Amino acid sequence: MKLLTAALAASLLGAAIAPTAAAAQSTCLRQNMVNGWKVINDQTLIVTDRVGRQYNVALQKGCVGLGWPMRLGFSADTGFGLSCITRNSFVYVPANGGYPRQRCLIDNVSPMVAMNR
């Protein structure tokens, strides 16, 4: 009976953890999955990954002229491509349009909610 109870508890625990891991995976903007972006203003980007998910990337104040560059670089804390871009990661902006090269600190990354039509 104890073995049956332990097995049941383990299976319930596994079932509870699995959706959490899947949710974390889907909300992670991975550094090597960035496919494009739209500049809303100097503190807000909408970043799209390779599978079409969109993320709102909020930057801390200090970066200017983000609408001009043709390229942006995204760097996660660890620097590996599989790492998630999170708070305190960076967006690298090359010199362009009279603006110097910049390193913009990310304040927040949040997945955008898909709207049903």
N, C-alpha and C. Protein backbone atom coordinates (compact mmCIF):
# COMPACT_ATOMS: atom_id res chain seq x y z
N MET A 1 0.82 -1.19 0.00
CA MET A 1 0.00 0.00 0.00
C MET A 1 0.87 1.27 0.00
N LYS A 2 1.95 1.25 0.80
CA LYS A 2 2.85 2.41 0.83
C LYS A 2 3.48 2.64 -0.54
N LEU A 3 3.82 1.54 -1.23
CA LEU A 3 4.43 1.66 -2.55
C LEU A 3 3.44 2.28 -3.53
N LEU A 4 2.18 1.87 -3.46
CA LEU A 4 1.15 2.41 -4.33
C LEU A 4 0.94 3.90 -4.06
N THR A 5 0.92 4.29 -2.79
CA THR A 5 0.76 5.70 -2.42
C THR A 5 1.94 6.53 -2.91
N ALA A 6 3.16 6.00 -2.76
CA ALA A 6 4.35 6.72 -3.21
C ALA A 6 4.35 6.88 -4.73
N ALA A 7 3.94 5.83 -5.45
CA ALA A 7 3.89 5.90 -6.91
C ALA A 7 2.85 6.92 -7.38
N LEU A 8 1.70 6.93 -6.70
CA LEU A 8 0.66 7.89 -7.05
C LEU A 8 1.12 9.32 -6.80
N ALA A 9 1.77 9.54 -5.66
CA ALA A 9 2.28 10.88 -5.34
C ALA A 9 3.33 11.32 -6.36
N ALA A 10 4.21 10.41 -6.76
CA ALA A 10 5.25 10.75 -7.74
C ALA A 10 4.64 11.09 -9.09
N SER A 11 3.62 10.35 -9.51
CA SER A 11 3.01 10.64 -10.81
C SER A 11 2.26 11.97 -10.78
N LEU A 12 1.61 12.29 -9.67
CA LEU A 12 0.94 13.58 -9.56
C LEU A 12 1.93 14.73 -9.56
N LEU A 13 3.05 14.55 -8.87
CA LEU A 13 4.09 15.58 -8.84
C LEU A 13 4.66 15.79 -10.24
N GLY A 14 4.90 14.71 -10.97
CA GLY A 14 5.42 14.82 -12.35
C GLY A 14 4.44 15.53 -13.25
N ALA A 15 3.17 15.25 -13.09
CA ALA A 15 2.15 15.91 -13.91
C ALA A 15 2.05 17.39 -13.59
N ALA A 16 2.29 17.75 -12.34
CA ALA A 16 2.23 19.17 -11.96
C ALA A 16 3.43 19.94 -12.48
N ILE A 17 4.57 19.31 -12.56
CA ILE A 17 5.80 19.97 -13.00
C ILE A 17 5.84 20.12 -14.52
N ALA A 18 5.34 19.15 -15.27
CA ALA A 18 5.43 19.15 -16.73
C ALA A 18 4.79 20.39 -17.36
N PRO A 19 3.57 20.79 -17.00
CA PRO A 19 3.01 22.00 -17.62
C PRO A 19 3.80 23.25 -17.28
N THR A 20 4.36 23.31 -16.09
CA THR A 20 5.15 24.46 -15.70
C THR A 20 6.39 24.58 -16.57
N ALA A 21 7.07 23.47 -16.83
CA ALA A 21 8.25 23.48 -17.68
C ALA A 21 7.88 23.87 -19.11
N ALA A 22 6.76 23.35 -19.59
CA ALA A 22 6.33 23.70 -20.95
C ALA A 22 5.97 25.17 -21.04
N ALA A 23 5.33 25.72 -20.02
CA ALA A 23 4.98 27.14 -20.03
C ALA A 23 6.23 28.00 -20.00
N ALA A 24 7.22 27.60 -19.20
CA ALA A 24 8.46 28.37 -19.13
C ALA A 24 9.17 28.35 -20.48
N GLN A 25 9.15 27.21 -21.17
CA GLN A 25 9.80 27.11 -22.47
C GLN A 25 9.13 28.04 -23.48
N SER A 26 7.80 28.12 -23.45
CA SER A 26 7.11 28.92 -24.45
C SER A 26 7.21 30.42 -24.17
N THR A 27 7.55 30.82 -22.95
CA THR A 27 7.66 32.23 -22.64
C THR A 27 9.09 32.74 -22.72
N CYS A 28 9.99 31.90 -23.11
CA CYS A 28 11.40 32.26 -23.17
C CYS A 28 11.77 32.76 -24.56
N LEU A 29 12.25 34.00 -24.64
CA LEU A 29 12.79 34.52 -25.89
C LEU A 29 14.27 34.14 -25.91
N ARG A 30 14.59 33.12 -26.70
CA ARG A 30 15.97 32.66 -26.75
C ARG A 30 16.79 33.55 -27.68
N GLN A 31 18.01 33.76 -27.29
CA GLN A 31 18.93 34.64 -28.01
C GLN A 31 19.10 34.20 -29.46
N ASN A 32 19.19 32.90 -29.71
CA ASN A 32 19.42 32.41 -31.07
C ASN A 32 18.14 32.26 -31.88
N MET A 33 16.98 32.64 -31.32
CA MET A 33 15.71 32.51 -32.03
C MET A 33 15.15 33.85 -32.50
N VAL A 34 15.84 34.95 -32.23
CA VAL A 34 15.34 36.27 -32.65
C VAL A 34 15.31 36.33 -34.18
N ASN A 35 14.15 36.70 -34.71
CA ASN A 35 13.98 36.74 -36.16
C ASN A 35 13.70 38.15 -36.68
N GLY A 36 13.21 39.03 -35.83
CA GLY A 36 12.92 40.38 -36.27
C GLY A 36 12.39 41.21 -35.11
N TRP A 37 12.21 42.49 -35.36
CA TRP A 37 11.72 43.38 -34.31
C TRP A 37 11.06 44.59 -34.94
N LYS A 38 10.25 45.24 -34.14
CA LYS A 38 9.62 46.50 -34.52
C LYS A 38 9.89 47.47 -33.38
N VAL A 39 10.43 48.62 -33.71
CA VAL A 39 10.70 49.64 -32.70
C VAL A 39 9.42 50.45 -32.48
N ILE A 40 8.92 50.42 -31.25
CA ILE A 40 7.76 51.23 -30.89
C ILE A 40 8.23 52.62 -30.50
N ASN A 41 9.23 52.68 -29.63
CA ASN A 41 9.89 53.92 -29.25
C ASN A 41 11.26 53.54 -28.69
N ASP A 42 12.00 54.49 -28.14
CA ASP A 42 13.36 54.21 -27.66
C ASP A 42 13.40 53.34 -26.41
N GLN A 43 12.25 52.99 -25.88
CA GLN A 43 12.21 52.12 -24.70
C GLN A 43 11.39 50.87 -24.89
N THR A 44 10.82 50.66 -26.09
CA THR A 44 9.96 49.51 -26.31
C THR A 44 10.21 48.89 -27.68
N LEU A 45 10.45 47.58 -27.69
CA LEU A 45 10.58 46.81 -28.92
C LEU A 45 9.57 45.68 -28.89
N ILE A 46 9.04 45.32 -30.05
CA ILE A 46 8.27 44.10 -30.21
C ILE A 46 9.18 43.16 -30.99
N VAL A 47 9.63 42.08 -30.35
CA VAL A 47 10.58 41.15 -30.95
C VAL A 47 9.84 39.87 -31.33
N THR A 48 10.09 39.38 -32.55
CA THR A 48 9.48 38.16 -33.05
C THR A 48 10.55 37.08 -33.13
N ASP A 49 10.20 35.86 -32.67
CA ASP A 49 11.15 34.76 -32.79
C ASP A 49 10.88 33.96 -34.07
N ARG A 50 11.67 32.95 -34.31
CA ARG A 50 11.60 32.19 -35.56
C ARG A 50 10.32 31.39 -35.74
N VAL A 51 9.57 31.17 -34.67
CA VAL A 51 8.31 30.44 -34.80
C VAL A 51 7.11 31.37 -34.72
N GLY A 52 7.35 32.68 -34.78
CA GLY A 52 6.28 33.66 -34.86
C GLY A 52 5.76 34.19 -33.53
N ARG A 53 6.32 33.75 -32.41
CA ARG A 53 5.88 34.31 -31.13
C ARG A 53 6.45 35.71 -30.98
N GLN A 54 5.66 36.59 -30.38
CA GLN A 54 6.09 37.97 -30.19
C GLN A 54 6.28 38.27 -28.71
N TYR A 55 7.26 39.12 -28.43
CA TYR A 55 7.61 39.51 -27.06
C TYR A 55 7.73 41.01 -26.98
N ASN A 56 7.25 41.56 -25.90
CA ASN A 56 7.41 42.98 -25.60
C ASN A 56 8.71 43.11 -24.82
N VAL A 57 9.67 43.82 -25.37
CA VAL A 57 10.97 44.02 -24.72
C VAL A 57 11.05 45.48 -24.29
N ALA A 58 11.05 45.68 -22.97
CA ALA A 58 11.13 47.04 -22.41
C ALA A 58 12.59 47.33 -22.07
N LEU A 59 13.07 48.48 -22.52
CA LEU A 59 14.46 48.89 -22.27
C LEU A 59 14.48 49.98 -21.21
N GLN A 60 15.58 50.02 -20.47
CA GLN A 60 15.75 51.11 -19.52
C GLN A 60 16.08 52.38 -20.29
N LYS A 61 15.85 53.53 -19.67
CA LYS A 61 16.12 54.81 -20.33
C LYS A 61 17.60 54.94 -20.65
N GLY A 62 17.89 55.66 -21.73
CA GLY A 62 19.28 55.95 -22.07
C GLY A 62 19.63 55.71 -23.52
N CYS A 63 18.92 54.83 -24.20
CA CYS A 63 19.22 54.57 -25.61
C CYS A 63 18.35 55.46 -26.49
N VAL A 64 18.93 55.93 -27.59
CA VAL A 64 18.21 56.84 -28.49
C VAL A 64 18.39 56.41 -29.94
N GLY A 65 17.44 56.81 -30.77
CA GLY A 65 17.55 56.56 -32.20
C GLY A 65 17.43 55.11 -32.61
N LEU A 66 16.64 54.32 -31.89
CA LEU A 66 16.54 52.90 -32.20
C LEU A 66 15.80 52.61 -33.51
N GLY A 67 15.09 53.59 -34.03
CA GLY A 67 14.37 53.39 -35.28
C GLY A 67 15.26 53.35 -36.51
N TRP A 68 16.50 53.79 -36.41
CA TRP A 68 17.38 53.89 -37.57
C TRP A 68 18.15 52.62 -37.90
N PRO A 69 18.68 51.87 -36.94
CA PRO A 69 19.57 50.75 -37.28
C PRO A 69 18.87 49.63 -38.05
N MET A 70 19.59 49.05 -38.99
CA MET A 70 19.10 47.89 -39.74
C MET A 70 19.39 46.60 -38.98
N ARG A 71 20.28 46.67 -38.00
CA ARG A 71 20.65 45.49 -37.22
C ARG A 71 20.57 45.83 -35.74
N LEU A 72 20.18 44.84 -34.97
CA LEU A 72 20.28 44.91 -33.52
C LEU A 72 20.85 43.58 -33.06
N GLY A 73 21.62 43.61 -31.99
CA GLY A 73 22.14 42.38 -31.42
C GLY A 73 21.51 42.16 -30.05
N PHE A 74 21.23 40.92 -29.73
CA PHE A 74 20.63 40.58 -28.45
C PHE A 74 21.57 39.66 -27.71
N SER A 75 21.84 39.97 -26.46
CA SER A 75 22.76 39.18 -25.67
C SER A 75 22.14 38.83 -24.32
N ALA A 76 22.05 37.54 -24.05
CA ALA A 76 21.56 37.08 -22.75
C ALA A 76 22.70 37.14 -21.75
N ASP A 77 22.38 36.97 -20.49
CA ASP A 77 23.37 37.08 -19.42
C ASP A 77 24.55 36.12 -19.59
N THR A 78 24.27 34.90 -20.03
CA THR A 78 25.35 33.92 -20.15
C THR A 78 26.08 33.99 -21.47
N GLY A 79 25.45 34.61 -22.49
CA GLY A 79 26.10 34.74 -23.78
C GLY A 79 25.91 33.55 -24.70
N PHE A 80 25.27 32.48 -24.22
CA PHE A 80 25.03 31.32 -25.06
C PHE A 80 23.74 31.50 -25.83
N GLY A 81 23.66 30.99 -27.06
CA GLY A 81 22.49 31.15 -27.90
C GLY A 81 21.22 30.55 -27.34
N LEU A 82 21.34 29.52 -26.51
CA LEU A 82 20.16 28.86 -25.95
C LEU A 82 19.62 29.59 -24.73
N SER A 83 20.32 30.58 -24.26
CA SER A 83 19.90 31.31 -23.07
C SER A 83 18.72 32.22 -23.36
N CYS A 84 17.88 32.41 -22.36
CA CYS A 84 16.74 33.30 -22.48
C CYS A 84 17.18 34.75 -22.31
N ILE A 85 16.60 35.62 -23.11
CA ILE A 85 16.83 37.05 -22.96
C ILE A 85 15.88 37.50 -21.85
N THR A 86 16.44 38.09 -20.81
CA THR A 86 15.66 38.47 -19.64
C THR A 86 16.07 39.86 -19.18
N ARG A 87 15.54 40.26 -18.03
CA ARG A 87 15.94 41.52 -17.40
C ARG A 87 17.46 41.49 -17.21
N ASN A 88 18.10 42.61 -17.47
CA ASN A 88 19.55 42.79 -17.36
C ASN A 88 20.33 42.15 -18.51
N SER A 89 19.65 41.64 -19.55
CA SER A 89 20.32 41.28 -20.79
C SER A 89 20.50 42.58 -21.57
N PHE A 90 21.13 42.50 -22.74
CA PHE A 90 21.42 43.71 -23.51
C PHE A 90 20.93 43.64 -24.94
N VAL A 91 20.61 44.80 -25.49
CA VAL A 91 20.39 44.98 -26.92
C VAL A 91 21.55 45.85 -27.39
N TYR A 92 22.27 45.37 -28.40
CA TYR A 92 23.40 46.11 -28.95
C TYR A 92 22.96 46.80 -30.23
N VAL A 93 23.20 48.10 -30.28
CA VAL A 93 22.78 48.92 -31.41
C VAL A 93 24.05 49.46 -32.08
N PRO A 94 24.27 49.13 -33.38
CA PRO A 94 25.47 49.65 -34.05
C PRO A 94 25.34 51.15 -34.30
N ALA A 95 26.47 51.80 -34.51
CA ALA A 95 26.46 53.22 -34.85
C ALA A 95 25.73 53.39 -36.17
N ASN A 96 24.80 54.36 -36.21
CA ASN A 96 24.01 54.55 -37.42
C ASN A 96 23.23 55.85 -37.31
N GLY A 97 22.99 56.51 -38.41
CA GLY A 97 22.18 57.71 -38.45
C GLY A 97 22.70 58.84 -37.58
N GLY A 98 24.00 58.92 -37.39
CA GLY A 98 24.58 59.96 -36.56
C GLY A 98 24.62 59.62 -35.07
N TYR A 99 24.08 58.46 -34.71
CA TYR A 99 24.10 58.03 -33.30
C TYR A 99 25.28 57.10 -33.06
N PRO A 100 25.89 57.17 -31.89
CA PRO A 100 27.01 56.28 -31.59
C PRO A 100 26.53 54.85 -31.31
N ARG A 101 27.46 53.93 -31.29
CA ARG A 101 27.15 52.55 -30.91
C ARG A 101 26.61 52.56 -29.48
N GLN A 102 25.59 51.73 -29.20
CA GLN A 102 24.96 51.73 -27.88
C GLN A 102 24.78 50.30 -27.36
N ARG A 103 24.77 50.20 -26.06
CA ARG A 103 24.43 48.95 -25.37
C ARG A 103 23.27 49.28 -24.45
N CYS A 104 22.08 48.78 -24.78
CA CYS A 104 20.86 49.12 -24.06
C CYS A 104 20.50 48.00 -23.09
N LEU A 105 20.28 48.35 -21.85
CA LEU A 105 19.93 47.38 -20.82
C LEU A 105 18.45 47.06 -20.89
N ILE A 106 18.13 45.78 -20.89
CA ILE A 106 16.73 45.34 -20.95
C ILE A 106 16.15 45.35 -19.54
N ASP A 107 15.00 45.98 -19.42
CA ASP A 107 14.30 46.07 -18.14
C ASP A 107 13.34 44.90 -17.94
N ASN A 108 12.68 44.46 -19.04
CA ASN A 108 11.69 43.39 -18.92
C ASN A 108 11.42 42.77 -20.29
N VAL A 109 11.17 41.46 -20.28
CA VAL A 109 10.75 40.75 -21.48
C VAL A 109 9.48 39.98 -21.13
N SER A 110 8.41 40.22 -21.89
CA SER A 110 7.16 39.51 -21.62
C SER A 110 6.53 39.06 -22.92
N PRO A 111 5.98 37.83 -22.94
CA PRO A 111 5.33 37.36 -24.16
C PRO A 111 4.07 38.16 -24.43
N MET A 112 3.81 38.39 -25.70
CA MET A 112 2.59 39.11 -26.08
C MET A 112 1.46 38.10 -26.18
N VAL A 113 0.30 38.47 -25.73
CA VAL A 113 -0.86 37.59 -25.76
C VAL A 113 -1.50 37.66 -27.14
N ALA A 114 -1.71 36.49 -27.75
CA ALA A 114 -2.35 36.45 -29.06
C ALA A 114 -3.82 36.82 -28.93
N MET A 115 -4.28 37.67 -29.82
CA MET A 115 -5.68 38.10 -29.80
C MET A 115 -6.47 37.22 -30.78
N ASN A 116 -7.58 36.67 -30.33
CA ASN A 116 -8.46 35.89 -31.20
C ASN A 116 -9.35 36.83 -32.00
N ARG A 117 -9.52 36.53 -33.25
CA ARG A 117 -10.36 37.38 -34.10
C ARG A 117 -11.66 36.69 -34.39
